[in-house]
Protein backbone atom coordinates (compact mmCIF):
# COMPACT_ATOMS: atom_id res chain seq x y z
CA MET A 1 74.37 -23.84 -38.51
CA THR A 2 71.03 -23.61 -36.83
CA ASN A 3 70.05 -26.84 -35.31
CA PRO A 4 67.15 -28.02 -37.48
CA LEU A 5 65.44 -29.38 -34.25
CA ALA A 6 65.36 -25.44 -33.14
CA LYS A 7 62.38 -24.98 -36.08
CA ASN A 8 59.80 -27.87 -34.32
CA ILE A 9 59.37 -26.14 -30.85
CA ILE A 10 56.19 -23.86 -32.04
CA GLY A 11 54.77 -27.19 -33.73
CA ILE A 12 55.53 -29.79 -30.68
CA TYR A 13 53.71 -27.14 -28.14
CA GLU A 14 50.65 -26.81 -30.50
CA ARG A 15 50.43 -30.37 -31.24
CA HIS A 16 50.80 -31.40 -27.59
CA ALA A 17 49.16 -28.58 -25.73
CA LYS A 18 46.54 -31.06 -24.13
CA ALA A 19 49.46 -33.35 -22.61
CA PHE A 20 51.52 -30.14 -21.67
CA GLY A 21 48.36 -29.10 -19.49
CA GLN A 22 48.44 -32.36 -17.93
CA GLN A 23 51.85 -32.71 -17.36
CA ARG A 24 52.89 -29.46 -16.09
CA SER A 25 53.42 -29.45 -12.52
CA THR A 26 51.22 -26.98 -10.58
CA HIS A 27 53.26 -27.34 -7.53
CA LEU A 28 54.55 -23.75 -7.43
CA PHE A 29 58.08 -24.63 -6.63
CA GLU A 30 58.84 -21.38 -8.59
CA GLN A 31 56.99 -19.19 -6.21
CA PRO A 32 60.05 -17.96 -3.95
CA TRP A 33 61.59 -16.56 -6.86
CA LEU A 34 58.27 -15.19 -8.04
CA ASP A 35 57.89 -13.40 -4.89
CA SER A 36 61.44 -12.22 -5.44
CA PHE A 37 60.17 -10.77 -8.91
CA LEU A 38 57.11 -9.33 -7.41
CA ASN A 39 58.90 -7.63 -4.33
CA LEU A 40 60.85 -5.72 -6.81
CA LEU A 41 57.57 -4.09 -8.61
CA PRO A 42 55.17 -1.47 -7.75
CA ALA A 43 51.57 -2.24 -6.37
CA ASN A 44 49.33 -3.97 -9.34
CA PRO A 45 52.02 -4.20 -11.87
CA ARG A 46 51.71 -4.75 -15.51
CA ILE A 47 53.07 -8.10 -16.43
CA LEU A 48 54.27 -9.50 -19.85
CA ASP A 49 54.50 -13.13 -19.64
CA ILE A 50 56.53 -14.47 -22.31
CA GLY A 51 56.03 -17.72 -23.42
CA CYS A 52 53.15 -18.04 -20.95
CA GLY A 53 51.76 -21.70 -21.97
CA ASN A 54 48.52 -22.23 -20.41
CA GLY A 55 48.69 -19.85 -17.79
CA MET A 56 49.08 -22.53 -15.27
CA PRO A 57 50.48 -21.97 -12.91
CA ILE A 58 52.79 -19.14 -13.01
CA ALA A 59 50.16 -16.25 -14.68
CA ASP A 60 47.60 -17.96 -12.55
CA TYR A 61 49.93 -17.29 -9.02
CA LEU A 62 50.77 -13.76 -10.57
CA ILE A 63 46.98 -12.85 -11.54
CA HIS A 64 46.25 -13.64 -7.75
CA GLN A 65 48.77 -11.56 -6.40
CA GLY A 66 47.19 -8.55 -8.04
CA CYS A 67 48.97 -8.15 -11.29
CA GLN A 68 47.71 -7.38 -14.95
CA VAL A 69 49.17 -9.94 -16.88
CA THR A 70 49.75 -10.03 -20.81
CA GLY A 71 50.48 -13.23 -22.04
CA VAL A 72 52.39 -14.32 -25.13
CA ASP A 73 52.60 -17.58 -26.53
CA SER A 74 53.14 -19.09 -29.98
CA SER A 75 50.57 -21.92 -29.72
CA LYS A 76 46.97 -20.90 -30.40
CA ARG A 77 45.67 -23.84 -28.39
CA MET A 78 47.62 -22.48 -25.29
CA ILE A 79 46.51 -19.04 -25.65
CA ASP A 80 42.82 -20.33 -26.08
CA ASP A 81 42.95 -21.83 -22.78
CA CYS A 82 44.27 -18.75 -21.30
CA LEU A 83 41.35 -16.74 -22.63
CA GLN A 84 39.21 -19.19 -21.13
CA ARG A 85 40.74 -19.20 -17.61
CA PHE A 86 41.44 -15.44 -17.34
CA PRO A 87 38.99 -13.35 -19.95
CA GLN A 88 39.98 -10.16 -18.07
CA HIS A 89 43.38 -10.46 -18.83
CA HIS A 90 45.46 -9.84 -22.40
CA TRP A 91 46.41 -12.82 -24.36
CA VAL A 92 48.34 -12.69 -27.69
CA GLN A 93 49.43 -15.46 -29.80
CA ALA A 94 52.75 -14.52 -31.12
CA ASP A 95 56.29 -15.36 -31.61
CA MET A 96 58.72 -13.92 -29.09
CA ARG A 97 61.13 -13.31 -31.54
CA ALA A 98 58.85 -10.81 -33.48
CA LEU A 99 57.05 -9.37 -30.62
CA ALA A 100 56.61 -5.54 -31.02
CA LEU A 101 53.46 -4.60 -28.41
CA PRO A 102 52.58 -1.45 -28.13
CA ASP A 103 52.53 -1.51 -24.02
CA ARG A 104 55.22 -1.17 -21.50
CA PHE A 105 55.48 -3.27 -18.56
CA ASP A 106 56.80 -3.31 -14.93
CA GLY A 107 57.76 -6.62 -15.18
CA LEU A 108 58.80 -9.35 -17.89
CA ILE A 109 58.94 -12.87 -17.16
CA ALA A 110 60.11 -15.62 -19.56
CA TRP A 111 60.15 -18.74 -17.78
CA ASP A 112 61.08 -21.99 -19.26
CA SER A 113 60.53 -20.37 -22.78
CA PHE A 114 63.36 -18.36 -23.91
CA PHE A 115 65.66 -21.35 -23.49
CA HIS A 116 64.02 -22.96 -26.80
CA LEU A 117 65.30 -20.32 -28.87
CA THR A 118 68.60 -21.02 -30.87
CA ARG A 119 71.65 -18.98 -29.55
CA GLU A 120 71.38 -16.50 -32.44
CA ASP A 121 67.95 -15.65 -31.48
CA GLN A 122 68.60 -15.35 -27.81
CA TYR A 123 71.16 -12.69 -28.91
CA LYS A 124 68.27 -10.67 -30.48
CA MET A 125 65.80 -11.01 -27.57
CA PHE A 126 67.39 -8.68 -25.47
CA ALA A 127 66.69 -5.79 -27.36
CA ILE A 128 63.03 -7.20 -27.67
CA PHE A 129 63.16 -7.24 -24.02
CA ARG A 130 64.22 -3.66 -23.50
CA GLN A 131 61.66 -2.23 -26.13
CA HIS A 132 58.81 -3.53 -23.68
CA VAL A 133 59.91 -2.37 -20.53
CA SER A 134 59.06 0.63 -18.10
CA PRO A 135 61.99 2.33 -16.38
CA LYS A 136 63.07 0.20 -13.35
CA ALA A 137 61.33 -2.94 -14.60
CA VAL A 138 62.29 -6.20 -13.72
CA LEU A 139 63.04 -9.03 -15.87
CA MET A 140 63.20 -12.73 -14.79
CA PHE A 141 64.15 -15.48 -17.07
CA THR A 142 65.51 -18.97 -16.93
CA SER A 143 68.71 -20.06 -19.00
CA GLY A 144 70.78 -23.22 -18.90
CA PRO A 145 74.00 -23.40 -16.89
CA GLY A 146 76.71 -22.82 -19.67
CA ASN A 147 77.01 -22.38 -23.19
CA GLY A 148 75.86 -25.07 -25.47
CA GLU A 149 72.75 -27.13 -26.84
CA ALA A 150 70.63 -29.71 -25.13
CA ILE A 151 67.97 -32.13 -26.59
CA GLY A 152 65.30 -33.55 -24.28
CA THR A 153 61.78 -35.32 -25.09
CA PHE A 154 58.15 -34.48 -25.02
CA GLU A 155 55.35 -36.73 -26.03
CA GLY A 156 58.33 -38.74 -28.13
CA GLU A 157 59.50 -35.88 -30.08
CA ALA A 158 62.83 -34.27 -29.61
CA LEU A 159 62.54 -30.66 -27.63
CA TYR A 160 65.34 -28.46 -28.26
CA HIS A 161 66.93 -26.21 -25.76
CA ALA A 162 69.97 -23.65 -25.97
CA SER A 163 72.02 -21.58 -23.82
CA LEU A 164 74.82 -18.92 -23.97
CA ALA A 165 77.53 -18.67 -21.04
CA PRO A 166 76.92 -16.53 -18.09
CA GLU A 167 79.44 -13.83 -18.90
CA GLU A 168 77.39 -13.44 -22.44
CA TYR A 169 73.82 -12.85 -20.76
CA ARG A 170 75.63 -10.55 -18.47
CA GLN A 171 76.95 -8.54 -20.98
CA LEU A 172 74.02 -8.70 -22.84
CA LEU A 173 71.95 -7.46 -19.97
CA GLN A 174 74.33 -4.32 -19.32
CA GLU A 175 74.01 -3.61 -22.84
CA GLN A 176 70.12 -3.04 -22.35
CA GLY A 177 70.52 -1.31 -19.14
CA PHE A 178 69.66 -4.32 -16.55
CA SER A 179 71.40 -5.04 -13.48
CA VAL A 180 71.66 -8.72 -11.82
CA VAL A 181 69.80 -8.75 -8.81
CA ASN A 182 70.37 -12.32 -8.23
CA MET A 183 71.18 -15.44 -10.84
CA VAL A 184 71.82 -18.91 -9.16
CA SER A 185 72.70 -21.61 -11.69
CA GLU A 186 71.04 -25.08 -11.32
CA ASP A 187 69.07 -23.88 -8.01
CA PRO A 188 68.29 -26.94 -5.88
CA ASP A 189 65.35 -25.35 -4.17
CA CYS A 190 63.75 -25.04 -7.49
CA HIS A 191 64.25 -28.21 -9.66
CA GLY A 192 67.80 -27.29 -10.89
CA HIS A 193 66.41 -24.02 -12.78
CA THR A 194 68.98 -21.52 -13.58
CA ILE A 195 67.46 -18.30 -12.98
CA TRP A 196 68.28 -14.62 -13.70
CA LEU A 197 66.47 -11.87 -11.74
CA THR A 198 67.45 -8.50 -13.25
CA GLN A 199 66.21 -4.83 -12.98
CA ARG A 200 66.78 -1.61 -15.72
CA ASN A 201 68.75 0.88 -13.95
CA ASP A 202 66.50 3.83 -15.42
């Protein structure tokens, strides 16, 4: 049975978009992983940022590294912030679970976003990732360290997270033609994030 808290994620980020912008650290502790991601990409790559939030700090960093960014988020307020900050890039209000863009991208990133989906929806996302990539594309995402659900809080509301087991992610990646370049569980140098850096085998 799907945890009913999973249905609240979109509303939480829409209601608290301003608070998110105020609380989200702009200290780019993610930079070593972002640089590893960029090192696998061609010059001036096309990037799809899935769950881009307000664009700070990750999309901002990618743009300053010469990337052409398309950002997707379910929150209209978050997307409006991105449009104001980065009008030369492409911003789409959409639920990642129904994503069907006409473009193909050199890199996909789903940082602290994909893990708000239920296990069932995470299974389905790997085919959606595949539909949006160019040959040799790079996919980087964060997950939980092991199979299960976790409930945090944001602005006094329960915030749902879920994860598959590492072996399940590896199987799903293999089925869609991705190889794992690097994976670190609860990386102490990245605020305990579990990160997957992968690349298509084309």
